[in-house]
Amino acid sequence: MCSACGFPAAPGHWTDAGAQTPGERLRLRFSRLAAVNRLLAPYGLKAHDDGVTPGLQIFAPGGQRELVPDLQTLWIAAARMAGRPIDPLSARALGDE
């Protein structure tokens, strides 16, 4: 359990498959964060991962923030903060609109 956030340490994310070392897992974590931020940008939201704390922080332009334990929860929180549903596979999120 993380003493800072209260989330239990996750065993890993399925997208970490193939990462053999802690450094590779950290690089994959930050690559995943970059992709998430590209998807959140059209909604004015941004995610942050410090590489140490389990989970992600999501920020709205007005200063609202929320700590979430995983990607599934991130999309739910992002939709709530944006005030509308967010589909990470939509044309808008992928920049095709």
N, C-alpha and C. Protein backbone atom coordinates (compact mmCIF):
# COMPACT_ATOMS: atom_id res chain seq x y z
N MET A 1 0.86 -1.18 0.00
CA MET A 1 0.00 0.00 0.00
C MET A 1 0.90 1.23 0.00
N CYS A 2 0.59 2.16 -0.89
CA CYS A 2 1.35 3.40 -0.95
C CYS A 2 0.93 4.31 0.20
N SER A 3 1.88 4.74 0.99
CA SER A 3 1.53 5.60 2.13
C SER A 3 1.11 6.99 1.69
N ALA A 4 1.48 7.39 0.47
CA ALA A 4 1.12 8.71 -0.03
C ALA A 4 -0.30 8.76 -0.59
N CYS A 5 -0.70 7.70 -1.29
CA CYS A 5 -1.99 7.76 -1.99
C CYS A 5 -3.01 6.75 -1.48
N GLY A 6 -2.57 5.69 -0.80
CA GLY A 6 -3.50 4.69 -0.30
C GLY A 6 -3.83 3.60 -1.29
N PHE A 7 -3.29 3.66 -2.50
CA PHE A 7 -3.54 2.61 -3.48
C PHE A 7 -2.59 1.45 -3.23
N PRO A 8 -3.07 0.22 -3.37
CA PRO A 8 -2.14 -0.90 -3.27
C PRO A 8 -1.23 -0.93 -4.50
N ALA A 9 -0.05 -1.43 -4.32
CA ALA A 9 0.88 -1.55 -5.45
C ALA A 9 0.30 -2.55 -6.44
N ALA A 10 0.21 -2.14 -7.70
CA ALA A 10 -0.33 -3.01 -8.73
C ALA A 10 0.78 -3.94 -9.23
N PRO A 11 0.43 -5.17 -9.61
CA PRO A 11 1.45 -6.10 -10.07
C PRO A 11 2.02 -5.74 -11.43
N GLY A 12 1.43 -4.81 -12.10
CA GLY A 12 1.88 -4.44 -13.44
C GLY A 12 0.68 -4.27 -14.35
N HIS A 13 0.90 -3.67 -15.46
CA HIS A 13 -0.15 -3.44 -16.44
C HIS A 13 0.10 -4.37 -17.61
N TRP A 14 -0.94 -4.83 -18.27
CA TRP A 14 -0.75 -5.78 -19.37
C TRP A 14 0.13 -5.20 -20.47
N THR A 15 0.17 -3.88 -20.60
CA THR A 15 1.02 -3.28 -21.63
C THR A 15 2.50 -3.33 -21.26
N ASP A 16 2.81 -3.77 -20.04
CA ASP A 16 4.20 -3.93 -19.63
C ASP A 16 4.77 -5.27 -20.10
N ALA A 17 3.94 -6.09 -20.72
CA ALA A 17 4.40 -7.42 -21.14
C ALA A 17 5.65 -7.27 -22.01
N GLY A 18 6.62 -8.08 -21.70
CA GLY A 18 7.87 -8.05 -22.46
C GLY A 18 8.94 -7.20 -21.84
N ALA A 19 8.59 -6.35 -20.89
CA ALA A 19 9.59 -5.52 -20.21
C ALA A 19 10.31 -6.40 -19.20
N GLN A 20 11.59 -6.54 -19.37
CA GLN A 20 12.36 -7.44 -18.52
C GLN A 20 12.94 -6.76 -17.28
N THR A 21 13.20 -5.47 -17.36
CA THR A 21 13.87 -4.78 -16.27
C THR A 21 12.98 -3.68 -15.71
N PRO A 22 13.27 -3.22 -14.50
CA PRO A 22 12.51 -2.08 -13.96
C PRO A 22 12.62 -0.84 -14.86
N GLY A 23 13.77 -0.62 -15.46
CA GLY A 23 13.93 0.53 -16.35
C GLY A 23 13.04 0.43 -17.57
N GLU A 24 12.93 -0.77 -18.15
CA GLU A 24 12.05 -0.97 -19.30
C GLU A 24 10.59 -0.76 -18.91
N ARG A 25 10.21 -1.24 -17.72
CA ARG A 25 8.83 -1.05 -17.26
C ARG A 25 8.53 0.43 -17.06
N LEU A 26 9.49 1.16 -16.53
CA LEU A 26 9.29 2.60 -16.32
C LEU A 26 9.18 3.33 -17.66
N ARG A 27 10.01 2.96 -18.63
CA ARG A 27 9.91 3.58 -19.96
C ARG A 27 8.55 3.30 -20.59
N LEU A 28 8.06 2.07 -20.44
CA LEU A 28 6.74 1.74 -20.98
C LEU A 28 5.65 2.53 -20.26
N ARG A 29 5.79 2.71 -18.98
CA ARG A 29 4.81 3.48 -18.20
C ARG A 29 4.73 4.92 -18.72
N PHE A 30 5.90 5.52 -18.99
CA PHE A 30 5.91 6.90 -19.50
C PHE A 30 5.45 6.97 -20.95
N SER A 31 5.71 5.95 -21.74
CA SER A 31 5.19 5.91 -23.12
C SER A 31 3.67 5.84 -23.09
N ARG A 32 3.14 5.02 -22.18
CA ARG A 32 1.69 4.91 -22.03
C ARG A 32 1.10 6.25 -21.61
N LEU A 33 1.78 6.96 -20.71
CA LEU A 33 1.32 8.28 -20.26
C LEU A 33 1.28 9.27 -21.42
N ALA A 34 2.28 9.24 -22.28
CA ALA A 34 2.30 10.14 -23.44
C ALA A 34 1.11 9.88 -24.35
N ALA A 35 0.78 8.61 -24.56
CA ALA A 35 -0.38 8.27 -25.39
C ALA A 35 -1.67 8.73 -24.73
N VAL A 36 -1.80 8.54 -23.43
CA VAL A 36 -2.99 8.99 -22.69
C VAL A 36 -3.13 10.50 -22.81
N ASN A 37 -2.04 11.23 -22.67
CA ASN A 37 -2.12 12.70 -22.76
C ASN A 37 -2.50 13.16 -24.15
N ARG A 38 -2.06 12.45 -25.20
CA ARG A 38 -2.50 12.80 -26.56
C ARG A 38 -4.01 12.61 -26.70
N LEU A 39 -4.54 11.57 -26.06
CA LEU A 39 -5.98 11.31 -26.13
C LEU A 39 -6.79 12.28 -25.28
N LEU A 40 -6.22 12.76 -24.18
CA LEU A 40 -6.94 13.69 -23.30
C LEU A 40 -6.87 15.14 -23.79
N ALA A 41 -5.87 15.49 -24.57
CA ALA A 41 -5.66 16.87 -24.98
C ALA A 41 -6.89 17.53 -25.62
N PRO A 42 -7.62 16.87 -26.52
CA PRO A 42 -8.80 17.53 -27.11
C PRO A 42 -9.87 17.90 -26.09
N TYR A 43 -9.81 17.32 -24.91
CA TYR A 43 -10.79 17.60 -23.85
C TYR A 43 -10.25 18.59 -22.83
N GLY A 44 -9.04 19.09 -23.05
CA GLY A 44 -8.45 20.05 -22.12
C GLY A 44 -7.94 19.43 -20.83
N LEU A 45 -7.72 18.14 -20.84
CA LEU A 45 -7.28 17.42 -19.64
C LEU A 45 -5.84 16.95 -19.81
N LYS A 46 -5.20 16.66 -18.69
CA LYS A 46 -3.82 16.18 -18.72
C LYS A 46 -3.64 15.18 -17.59
N ALA A 47 -2.87 14.13 -17.87
CA ALA A 47 -2.55 13.12 -16.86
C ALA A 47 -1.08 13.27 -16.46
N HIS A 48 -0.78 12.85 -15.24
CA HIS A 48 0.59 12.91 -14.73
C HIS A 48 0.91 11.60 -14.02
N ASP A 49 2.11 11.12 -14.24
CA ASP A 49 2.60 9.92 -13.58
C ASP A 49 4.03 10.21 -13.15
N ASP A 50 4.30 10.18 -11.85
CA ASP A 50 5.64 10.50 -11.38
C ASP A 50 6.59 9.31 -11.41
N GLY A 51 6.07 8.15 -11.80
CA GLY A 51 6.91 6.97 -11.89
C GLY A 51 7.12 6.27 -10.57
N VAL A 52 6.66 6.83 -9.48
CA VAL A 52 6.85 6.25 -8.15
C VAL A 52 5.51 5.89 -7.52
N THR A 53 4.58 6.82 -7.52
CA THR A 53 3.27 6.64 -6.91
C THR A 53 2.43 5.71 -7.78
N PRO A 54 1.77 4.72 -7.19
CA PRO A 54 0.85 3.90 -7.98
C PRO A 54 -0.29 4.77 -8.51
N GLY A 55 -0.70 4.51 -9.72
CA GLY A 55 -1.81 5.24 -10.30
C GLY A 55 -1.36 6.48 -11.05
N LEU A 56 -2.35 7.26 -11.45
CA LEU A 56 -2.15 8.47 -12.24
C LEU A 56 -2.92 9.62 -11.63
N GLN A 57 -2.45 10.82 -11.86
CA GLN A 57 -3.23 12.01 -11.51
C GLN A 57 -3.79 12.57 -12.80
N ILE A 58 -5.01 13.04 -12.75
CA ILE A 58 -5.61 13.69 -13.90
C ILE A 58 -5.97 15.11 -13.50
N PHE A 59 -5.68 16.06 -14.39
CA PHE A 59 -5.88 17.47 -14.11
C PHE A 59 -6.81 18.10 -15.14
N ALA A 60 -7.70 18.98 -14.66
CA ALA A 60 -8.57 19.78 -15.53
C ALA A 60 -8.04 21.21 -15.54
N PRO A 61 -8.37 21.98 -16.58
CA PRO A 61 -7.85 23.35 -16.68
C PRO A 61 -8.18 24.24 -15.48
N GLY A 62 -9.30 24.02 -14.83
CA GLY A 62 -9.70 24.86 -13.71
C GLY A 62 -8.99 24.53 -12.41
N GLY A 63 -8.06 23.58 -12.43
CA GLY A 63 -7.34 23.22 -11.22
C GLY A 63 -7.85 21.97 -10.55
N GLN A 64 -8.97 21.43 -11.01
CA GLN A 64 -9.49 20.20 -10.44
C GLN A 64 -8.52 19.07 -10.74
N ARG A 65 -8.31 18.19 -9.78
CA ARG A 65 -7.43 17.04 -9.98
C ARG A 65 -7.98 15.84 -9.26
N GLU A 66 -7.60 14.68 -9.75
CA GLU A 66 -8.05 13.44 -9.13
C GLU A 66 -6.96 12.39 -9.30
N LEU A 67 -6.75 11.61 -8.27
CA LEU A 67 -5.80 10.50 -8.30
C LEU A 67 -6.59 9.24 -8.59
N VAL A 68 -6.19 8.50 -9.64
CA VAL A 68 -6.89 7.28 -10.03
C VAL A 68 -5.92 6.11 -10.04
N PRO A 69 -6.41 4.91 -9.73
CA PRO A 69 -5.50 3.77 -9.62
C PRO A 69 -5.09 3.12 -10.94
N ASP A 70 -5.90 3.31 -12.01
CA ASP A 70 -5.61 2.60 -13.25
C ASP A 70 -6.25 3.32 -14.44
N LEU A 71 -5.99 2.79 -15.65
CA LEU A 71 -6.51 3.43 -16.86
C LEU A 71 -8.03 3.39 -16.95
N GLN A 72 -8.63 2.30 -16.53
CA GLN A 72 -10.09 2.21 -16.58
C GLN A 72 -10.72 3.33 -15.76
N THR A 73 -10.22 3.53 -14.58
CA THR A 73 -10.74 4.59 -13.71
C THR A 73 -10.40 5.96 -14.26
N LEU A 74 -9.26 6.07 -14.93
CA LEU A 74 -8.88 7.36 -15.53
C LEU A 74 -9.92 7.84 -16.52
N TRP A 75 -10.41 6.94 -17.39
CA TRP A 75 -11.39 7.35 -18.40
C TRP A 75 -12.72 7.77 -17.76
N ILE A 76 -13.09 7.12 -16.68
CA ILE A 76 -14.32 7.49 -15.97
C ILE A 76 -14.16 8.88 -15.35
N ALA A 77 -13.02 9.10 -14.68
CA ALA A 77 -12.76 10.42 -14.07
C ALA A 77 -12.64 11.50 -15.14
N ALA A 78 -12.00 11.18 -16.25
CA ALA A 78 -11.84 12.16 -17.32
C ALA A 78 -13.20 12.58 -17.88
N ALA A 79 -14.10 11.63 -18.07
CA ALA A 79 -15.44 11.95 -18.57
C ALA A 79 -16.18 12.85 -17.59
N ARG A 80 -16.04 12.55 -16.31
CA ARG A 80 -16.68 13.38 -15.29
C ARG A 80 -16.11 14.79 -15.31
N MET A 81 -14.79 14.92 -15.42
CA MET A 81 -14.15 16.24 -15.43
C MET A 81 -14.47 17.02 -16.70
N ALA A 82 -14.57 16.31 -17.82
CA ALA A 82 -14.86 16.97 -19.10
C ALA A 82 -16.35 17.31 -19.23
N GLY A 83 -17.18 16.65 -18.43
CA GLY A 83 -18.61 16.90 -18.49
C GLY A 83 -19.28 16.22 -19.66
N ARG A 84 -18.60 15.26 -20.25
CA ARG A 84 -19.18 14.49 -21.36
C ARG A 84 -18.41 13.18 -21.50
N PRO A 85 -19.02 12.20 -22.12
CA PRO A 85 -18.34 10.91 -22.28
C PRO A 85 -17.06 11.06 -23.10
N ILE A 86 -16.06 10.28 -22.75
CA ILE A 86 -14.82 10.26 -23.51
C ILE A 86 -14.59 8.85 -24.00
N ASP A 87 -14.47 8.71 -25.30
CA ASP A 87 -14.17 7.42 -25.90
C ASP A 87 -12.76 7.52 -26.46
N PRO A 88 -11.78 6.85 -25.86
CA PRO A 88 -10.40 6.98 -26.32
C PRO A 88 -10.19 6.48 -27.75
N LEU A 89 -11.17 5.77 -28.31
CA LEU A 89 -11.05 5.29 -29.68
C LEU A 89 -11.86 6.13 -30.67
N SER A 90 -12.46 7.22 -30.20
CA SER A 90 -13.27 8.05 -31.08
C SER A 90 -12.39 8.85 -32.05
N ALA A 91 -13.00 9.31 -33.13
CA ALA A 91 -12.28 10.14 -34.10
C ALA A 91 -11.74 11.39 -33.45
N ARG A 92 -12.50 11.97 -32.53
CA ARG A 92 -12.05 13.20 -31.86
C ARG A 92 -10.79 12.95 -31.05
N ALA A 93 -10.79 11.88 -30.26
CA ALA A 93 -9.63 11.57 -29.43
C ALA A 93 -8.42 11.21 -30.27
N LEU A 94 -8.65 10.59 -31.41
CA LEU A 94 -7.54 10.19 -32.26
C LEU A 94 -7.11 11.30 -33.21
N GLY A 95 -7.79 12.46 -33.14
CA GLY A 95 -7.40 13.60 -33.96
C GLY A 95 -7.84 13.52 -35.41
N ASP A 96 -8.80 12.65 -35.71
CA ASP A 96 -9.29 12.50 -37.08
C ASP A 96 -10.49 13.37 -37.38
N GLU A 97 -10.94 14.14 -36.44
CA GLU A 97 -12.14 14.96 -36.62
C GLU A 97 -11.80 16.31 -37.16
